[in-house]
Amino acid sequence: MTLVSTDWLSENLNKVKVVDASWHLIKNRNAIEEYNEEHIENAIFFNLDKNSDQMSDVPHILTNSYDWEKIVSNMGIIKDDKIVIYDNSDVLSSCRCWYNFIYFGHNDKLVHVLNGGLKKWKSENKPTTDTILKINPTKYTGSERKNLVKNINQINENMNTEEFKVIDARSKERFEGKIEEPRKGLRSGSIPKSMCIPFGNLINDDNTFKNENEILNIFKNTLGEEITTNIVFSCGSGVTASVLALAYSLINNKYMPTIYDGSWAEYGKIKI
């Protein structure tokens, strides 16, 4: 039950920790301001930019275990908490937060994403608030699952070994280098031998995920009939890659989300 419905969350609000992980690629929206104005009751804000590696020049790189434990402790979360993450974002940024929690060792059976996010919640006239939850810090401990992340050296080595398949979540136009990248300093194009499934292909108009049969067919159209666990997802900066990883986990219960963390924000800097 990676995805939970709006009705389920409404009935279980007091039994879970709710996290607003909204992040916007476009700069005319401010996720923190939007959260302060309106959020689901008891939601804790997760700042994706600040909760990533602050020393890296690549956006959204995973931080270290020590800093992650401080981040989650300050959110008032303990290791046994059931967590429901949502967003109010066009790029479904809740999925990146979902990946972060799993990478740092939270039980994947306890980490959920609200299907449809705040968009669906509000469309059903479910209540929101501007009251900020008072948080009692905890002493959270995590443990990195380092096999769930790939670095640039592993991506390059894989071009020869073909140990895993790389799927890019960006649009076809960006993947094929037909349009400029939204981030300055990056060339257009894609990782050699990678494939493309635009994350939006998996999402309905109300921001819910398509059903499992539809998702399965989308992946089969790219991968063929074989549904393997040796899949690594990439995108612009590791956000929408996590959307594909979540979707793939819905049709392959043996799959653990694995991301090329640098994604095109890193790879697109390389001179070729």
Protein backbone atom coordinates (compact mmCIF):
# COMPACT_ATOMS: atom_id res chain seq x y z
CA MET A 1 0.00 0.00 0.00
CA THR A 2 2.55 2.58 -1.12
CA LEU A 3 -0.26 4.87 -2.26
CA VAL A 4 -3.07 5.86 0.08
CA SER A 5 -6.33 7.48 -0.96
CA THR A 6 -7.63 10.83 0.22
CA ASP A 7 -10.50 9.05 1.98
CA TRP A 8 -8.07 6.75 3.80
CA LEU A 9 -5.98 9.68 5.01
CA SER A 10 -9.06 11.60 6.09
CA GLU A 11 -10.08 8.65 8.26
CA ASN A 12 -6.56 8.09 9.66
CA LEU A 13 -5.18 11.60 10.15
CA ASN A 14 -4.52 11.08 13.84
CA LYS A 15 -2.74 7.76 13.29
CA VAL A 16 0.00 8.91 10.90
CA LYS A 17 2.63 11.60 10.48
CA VAL A 18 1.66 13.80 7.55
CA VAL A 19 4.40 15.46 5.52
CA ASP A 20 3.99 18.24 2.95
CA ALA A 21 6.93 17.79 0.55
CA SER A 22 5.91 20.34 -2.07
CA TRP A 23 8.67 21.64 -4.34
CA HIS A 24 8.33 23.65 -7.55
CA LEU A 25 10.61 23.70 -10.55
CA ILE A 26 9.11 26.97 -11.73
CA LYS A 27 10.32 29.95 -9.72
CA ASN A 28 7.09 31.94 -9.47
CA ARG A 29 5.71 29.59 -6.81
CA ASN A 30 6.97 29.35 -3.24
CA ALA A 31 6.21 26.02 -1.57
CA ILE A 32 6.86 27.27 1.96
CA GLU A 33 4.56 30.27 1.54
CA GLU A 34 1.85 28.03 0.09
CA TYR A 35 2.23 25.62 3.02
CA ASN A 36 1.96 28.48 5.52
CA GLU A 37 -1.25 29.62 3.89
CA GLU A 38 -2.87 26.21 3.50
CA HIS A 39 -2.03 22.58 4.27
CA ILE A 40 -3.59 19.36 5.51
CA GLU A 41 -4.09 19.33 9.27
CA ASN A 42 -0.98 18.35 11.28
CA ALA A 43 1.21 18.35 8.16
CA ILE A 44 4.94 18.95 8.68
CA PHE A 45 6.78 20.81 5.92
CA PHE A 46 9.71 19.05 4.25
CA ASN A 47 12.04 21.49 2.50
CA LEU A 48 13.62 19.50 -0.33
CA ASP A 49 16.24 22.13 -1.15
CA LYS A 50 17.41 22.61 2.44
CA ASN A 51 17.20 18.91 3.28
CA SER A 52 19.64 17.94 0.54
CA ASP A 53 23.44 18.10 0.53
CA GLN A 54 24.25 21.79 0.99
CA MET A 55 27.87 21.31 -0.10
CA SER A 56 27.01 19.92 -3.53
CA ASP A 57 26.70 22.08 -6.63
CA VAL A 58 24.15 19.57 -7.94
CA PRO A 59 20.57 20.05 -6.68
CA HIS A 60 18.85 17.54 -4.41
CA ILE A 61 21.83 15.28 -3.78
CA LEU A 62 21.19 13.04 -0.78
CA THR A 63 22.62 14.41 2.45
CA ASN A 64 24.61 12.30 4.92
CA SER A 65 23.11 10.07 7.63
CA TYR A 66 24.04 12.43 10.46
CA ASP A 67 22.25 15.40 8.88
CA TRP A 68 19.29 13.25 7.83
CA GLU A 69 18.80 12.07 11.41
CA LYS A 70 18.77 15.69 12.58
CA ILE A 71 16.29 16.66 9.86
CA VAL A 72 13.84 13.88 10.72
CA SER A 73 14.31 14.31 14.47
CA ASN A 74 13.35 17.97 14.08
CA MET A 75 10.24 16.83 12.22
CA GLY A 76 9.19 14.89 15.33
CA ILE A 77 9.23 11.52 13.55
CA ILE A 78 10.36 8.21 15.06
CA LYS A 79 11.45 5.03 13.30
CA ASP A 80 8.13 3.23 13.83
CA ASP A 81 5.94 6.05 12.54
CA LYS A 82 3.64 5.50 9.59
CA ILE A 83 4.24 8.45 7.27
CA VAL A 84 1.97 9.86 4.56
CA ILE A 85 3.65 12.32 2.21
CA TYR A 86 1.81 14.65 -0.15
CA ASP A 87 2.59 17.64 -2.34
CA ASN A 88 0.98 20.49 -4.20
CA SER A 89 3.42 20.25 -7.09
CA ASP A 90 3.25 19.64 -10.82
CA VAL A 91 6.28 17.32 -10.51
CA LEU A 92 4.89 15.15 -7.68
CA SER A 93 7.78 16.01 -5.39
CA SER A 94 6.27 13.88 -2.60
CA CYS A 95 7.81 10.89 -4.40
CA ARG A 96 11.31 12.25 -3.86
CA CYS A 97 10.67 12.56 -0.12
CA TRP A 98 9.28 8.99 -0.17
CA TYR A 99 12.54 7.83 -1.78
CA ASN A 100 14.67 9.72 0.76
CA PHE A 101 12.95 8.05 3.71
CA ILE A 102 13.39 4.60 2.16
CA TYR A 103 17.03 5.27 1.26
CA PHE A 104 17.79 6.22 4.85
CA GLY A 105 16.28 3.03 6.21
CA HIS A 106 12.69 3.81 7.19
CA ASN A 107 10.57 0.69 6.75
CA ASP A 108 9.23 0.99 3.20
CA LYS A 109 5.94 -0.53 4.37
CA LEU A 110 5.49 2.53 6.62
CA VAL A 111 6.17 5.23 4.00
CA HIS A 112 3.23 6.22 1.83
CA VAL A 113 2.30 8.85 -0.74
CA LEU A 114 -1.12 10.47 -0.90
CA ASN A 115 -2.51 9.56 -4.31
CA GLY A 116 -3.56 12.79 -5.97
CA GLY A 117 -1.89 15.00 -3.38
CA LEU A 118 -3.36 18.29 -2.24
CA LYS A 119 -4.96 18.85 -5.63
CA LYS A 120 -7.30 15.89 -5.20
CA TRP A 121 -7.77 16.57 -1.48
CA LYS A 122 -9.03 20.08 -2.19
CA SER A 123 -11.13 19.01 -5.18
CA GLU A 124 -13.10 16.84 -2.74
CA ASN A 125 -13.58 19.80 -0.38
CA LYS A 126 -11.59 18.10 2.36
CA PRO A 127 -10.45 20.58 5.03
CA THR A 128 -7.15 22.46 5.09
CA THR A 129 -5.69 24.78 7.71
CA ASP A 130 -3.05 27.47 8.18
CA THR A 131 -2.27 26.34 11.73
CA ILE A 132 1.35 25.24 12.07
CA LEU A 133 1.81 22.06 14.10
CA LYS A 134 3.94 22.39 17.23
CA ILE A 135 6.64 19.72 16.90
CA ASN A 136 8.29 17.83 19.72
CA PRO A 137 11.74 16.77 18.44
CA THR A 138 12.72 13.10 18.63
CA LYS A 139 15.97 11.14 18.34
CA TYR A 140 15.58 9.52 14.97
CA THR A 141 18.14 7.00 13.77
CA GLY A 142 18.57 5.89 10.18
CA SER A 143 20.76 3.58 8.15
CA GLU A 144 21.69 4.21 4.53
CA ARG A 145 20.75 1.70 1.86
CA LYS A 146 23.63 2.64 -0.40
CA ASN A 147 22.61 0.14 -3.07
CA LEU A 148 19.59 2.36 -3.83
CA VAL A 149 21.66 5.19 -5.30
CA LYS A 150 23.99 5.36 -8.29
CA ASN A 151 26.75 7.89 -8.91
CA ILE A 152 28.17 9.19 -12.15
CA ASN A 153 31.03 6.66 -12.20
CA GLN A 154 28.59 3.76 -11.91
CA ILE A 155 26.48 5.26 -14.70
CA ASN A 156 29.52 5.51 -16.96
CA GLU A 157 30.74 1.99 -16.12
CA ASN A 158 27.29 0.63 -16.87
CA MET A 159 27.55 1.71 -20.49
CA ASN A 160 30.02 -1.15 -20.94
CA THR A 161 28.69 -3.68 -18.43
CA GLU A 162 24.98 -3.00 -18.99
CA GLU A 163 24.31 -4.29 -15.48
CA PHE A 164 21.19 -2.15 -15.20
CA LYS A 165 18.87 -0.17 -17.44
CA VAL A 166 18.57 3.61 -17.06
CA ILE A 167 15.18 5.24 -17.62
CA ASP A 168 14.85 9.03 -17.81
CA ALA A 169 11.69 10.71 -16.52
CA ARG A 170 12.10 13.96 -18.45
CA SER A 171 9.99 14.89 -21.47
CA LYS A 172 10.81 13.37 -24.85
CA GLU A 173 11.83 16.82 -26.13
CA ARG A 174 14.39 17.25 -23.34
CA PHE A 175 15.57 13.64 -23.59
CA GLU A 176 16.10 13.93 -27.35
CA GLY A 177 17.82 17.30 -26.99
CA LYS A 178 15.22 19.16 -29.03
CA ILE A 179 14.74 21.91 -26.44
CA GLU A 180 17.00 23.71 -23.99
CA GLU A 181 17.28 22.54 -20.41
CA PRO A 182 15.53 24.73 -17.80
CA ARG A 183 18.73 24.92 -15.73
CA LYS A 184 21.51 27.14 -17.02
CA GLY A 185 24.86 25.59 -17.87
CA LEU A 186 23.52 22.23 -19.03
CA ARG A 187 23.72 20.92 -22.56
CA SER A 188 20.68 19.28 -24.11
CA GLY A 189 20.38 15.54 -24.57
CA SER A 190 20.47 12.38 -22.50
CA ILE A 191 22.69 9.68 -21.02
CA PRO A 192 23.94 7.27 -23.71
CA LYS A 193 21.99 3.99 -23.86
CA SER A 194 19.28 5.33 -21.54
CA MET A 195 15.56 5.16 -22.33
CA CYS A 196 12.77 7.64 -21.72
CA ILE A 197 9.38 7.41 -20.01
CA PRO A 198 8.09 10.93 -19.29
CA PHE A 199 6.74 10.83 -15.75
CA GLY A 200 3.55 12.58 -16.82
CA ASN A 201 2.60 9.53 -18.89
CA LEU A 202 1.94 7.70 -15.62
CA ILE A 203 -0.25 10.39 -14.05
CA ASN A 204 -3.94 11.20 -14.47
CA ASP A 205 -5.34 14.73 -14.74
CA ASP A 206 -6.19 14.75 -11.02
CA ASN A 207 -2.54 13.96 -10.13
CA THR A 208 -3.33 10.35 -9.19
CA PHE A 209 -1.27 7.51 -10.60
CA LYS A 210 -2.73 5.49 -13.43
CA ASN A 211 -3.88 1.99 -12.56
CA GLU A 212 -1.40 -0.86 -12.38
CA ASN A 213 -2.35 -2.38 -15.74
CA GLU A 214 -1.80 0.95 -17.48
CA ILE A 215 1.52 1.43 -15.71
CA LEU A 216 2.60 -2.11 -16.60
CA ASN A 217 1.83 -1.54 -20.27
CA ILE A 218 3.77 1.74 -20.31
CA PHE A 219 6.86 0.04 -18.89
CA LYS A 220 6.50 -2.97 -21.19
CA ASN A 221 6.37 -0.66 -24.20
CA THR A 222 9.83 0.56 -23.21
CA LEU A 223 11.42 -2.48 -21.54
CA GLY A 224 9.72 -5.31 -23.38
CA GLU A 225 8.05 -8.17 -21.53
CA GLU A 226 10.76 -8.56 -18.90
CA ILE A 227 9.98 -6.85 -15.59
CA THR A 228 13.35 -6.75 -13.88
CA THR A 229 14.68 -5.26 -10.66
CA ASN A 230 17.79 -3.87 -12.39
CA ILE A 231 16.32 -0.49 -13.19
CA VAL A 232 17.81 2.91 -12.32
CA PHE A 233 15.80 6.08 -12.79
CA SER A 234 17.09 9.50 -13.74
CA CYS A 235 15.59 12.90 -14.59
CA GLY A 236 16.62 16.53 -14.22
CA SER A 237 17.57 16.57 -10.54
CA GLY A 238 16.28 13.36 -8.96
CA VAL A 239 12.69 14.47 -8.34
CA THR A 240 10.59 13.01 -11.16
CA ALA A 241 12.92 10.00 -11.31
CA SER A 242 11.34 9.12 -7.97
CA VAL A 243 7.89 9.30 -9.56
CA LEU A 244 8.91 6.57 -11.99
CA ALA A 245 10.52 4.58 -9.17
CA LEU A 246 7.31 4.64 -7.16
CA ALA A 247 5.24 3.70 -10.18
CA TYR A 248 7.56 0.81 -10.98
CA SER A 249 7.35 -0.45 -7.41
CA LEU A 250 3.56 -0.70 -7.86
CA ILE A 251 3.97 -3.33 -10.59
CA ASN A 252 7.08 -5.06 -9.20
CA ASN A 253 6.89 -5.71 -5.47
CA LYS A 254 10.52 -6.92 -5.43
CA TYR A 255 11.80 -3.58 -6.70
CA MET A 256 13.40 -1.06 -4.34
CA PRO A 257 13.64 2.49 -5.69
CA THR A 258 17.06 3.16 -7.19
CA ILE A 259 18.02 6.62 -8.45
CA TYR A 260 20.94 8.19 -10.28
CA ASP A 261 21.10 11.03 -7.79
CA GLY A 262 23.03 13.51 -9.91
CA SER A 263 20.70 12.96 -12.87
CA TRP A 264 20.99 15.32 -15.85
CA ALA A 265 21.86 18.27 -13.55
CA GLU A 266 25.20 16.50 -13.10
CA TYR A 267 25.58 14.52 -16.33
CA GLY A 268 24.61 17.44 -18.51
CA LYS A 269 27.63 19.39 -17.27
CA ILE A 270 30.12 16.92 -18.73
CA LYS A 271 31.83 18.06 -21.90
CA ILE A 272 31.68 15.50 -24.67
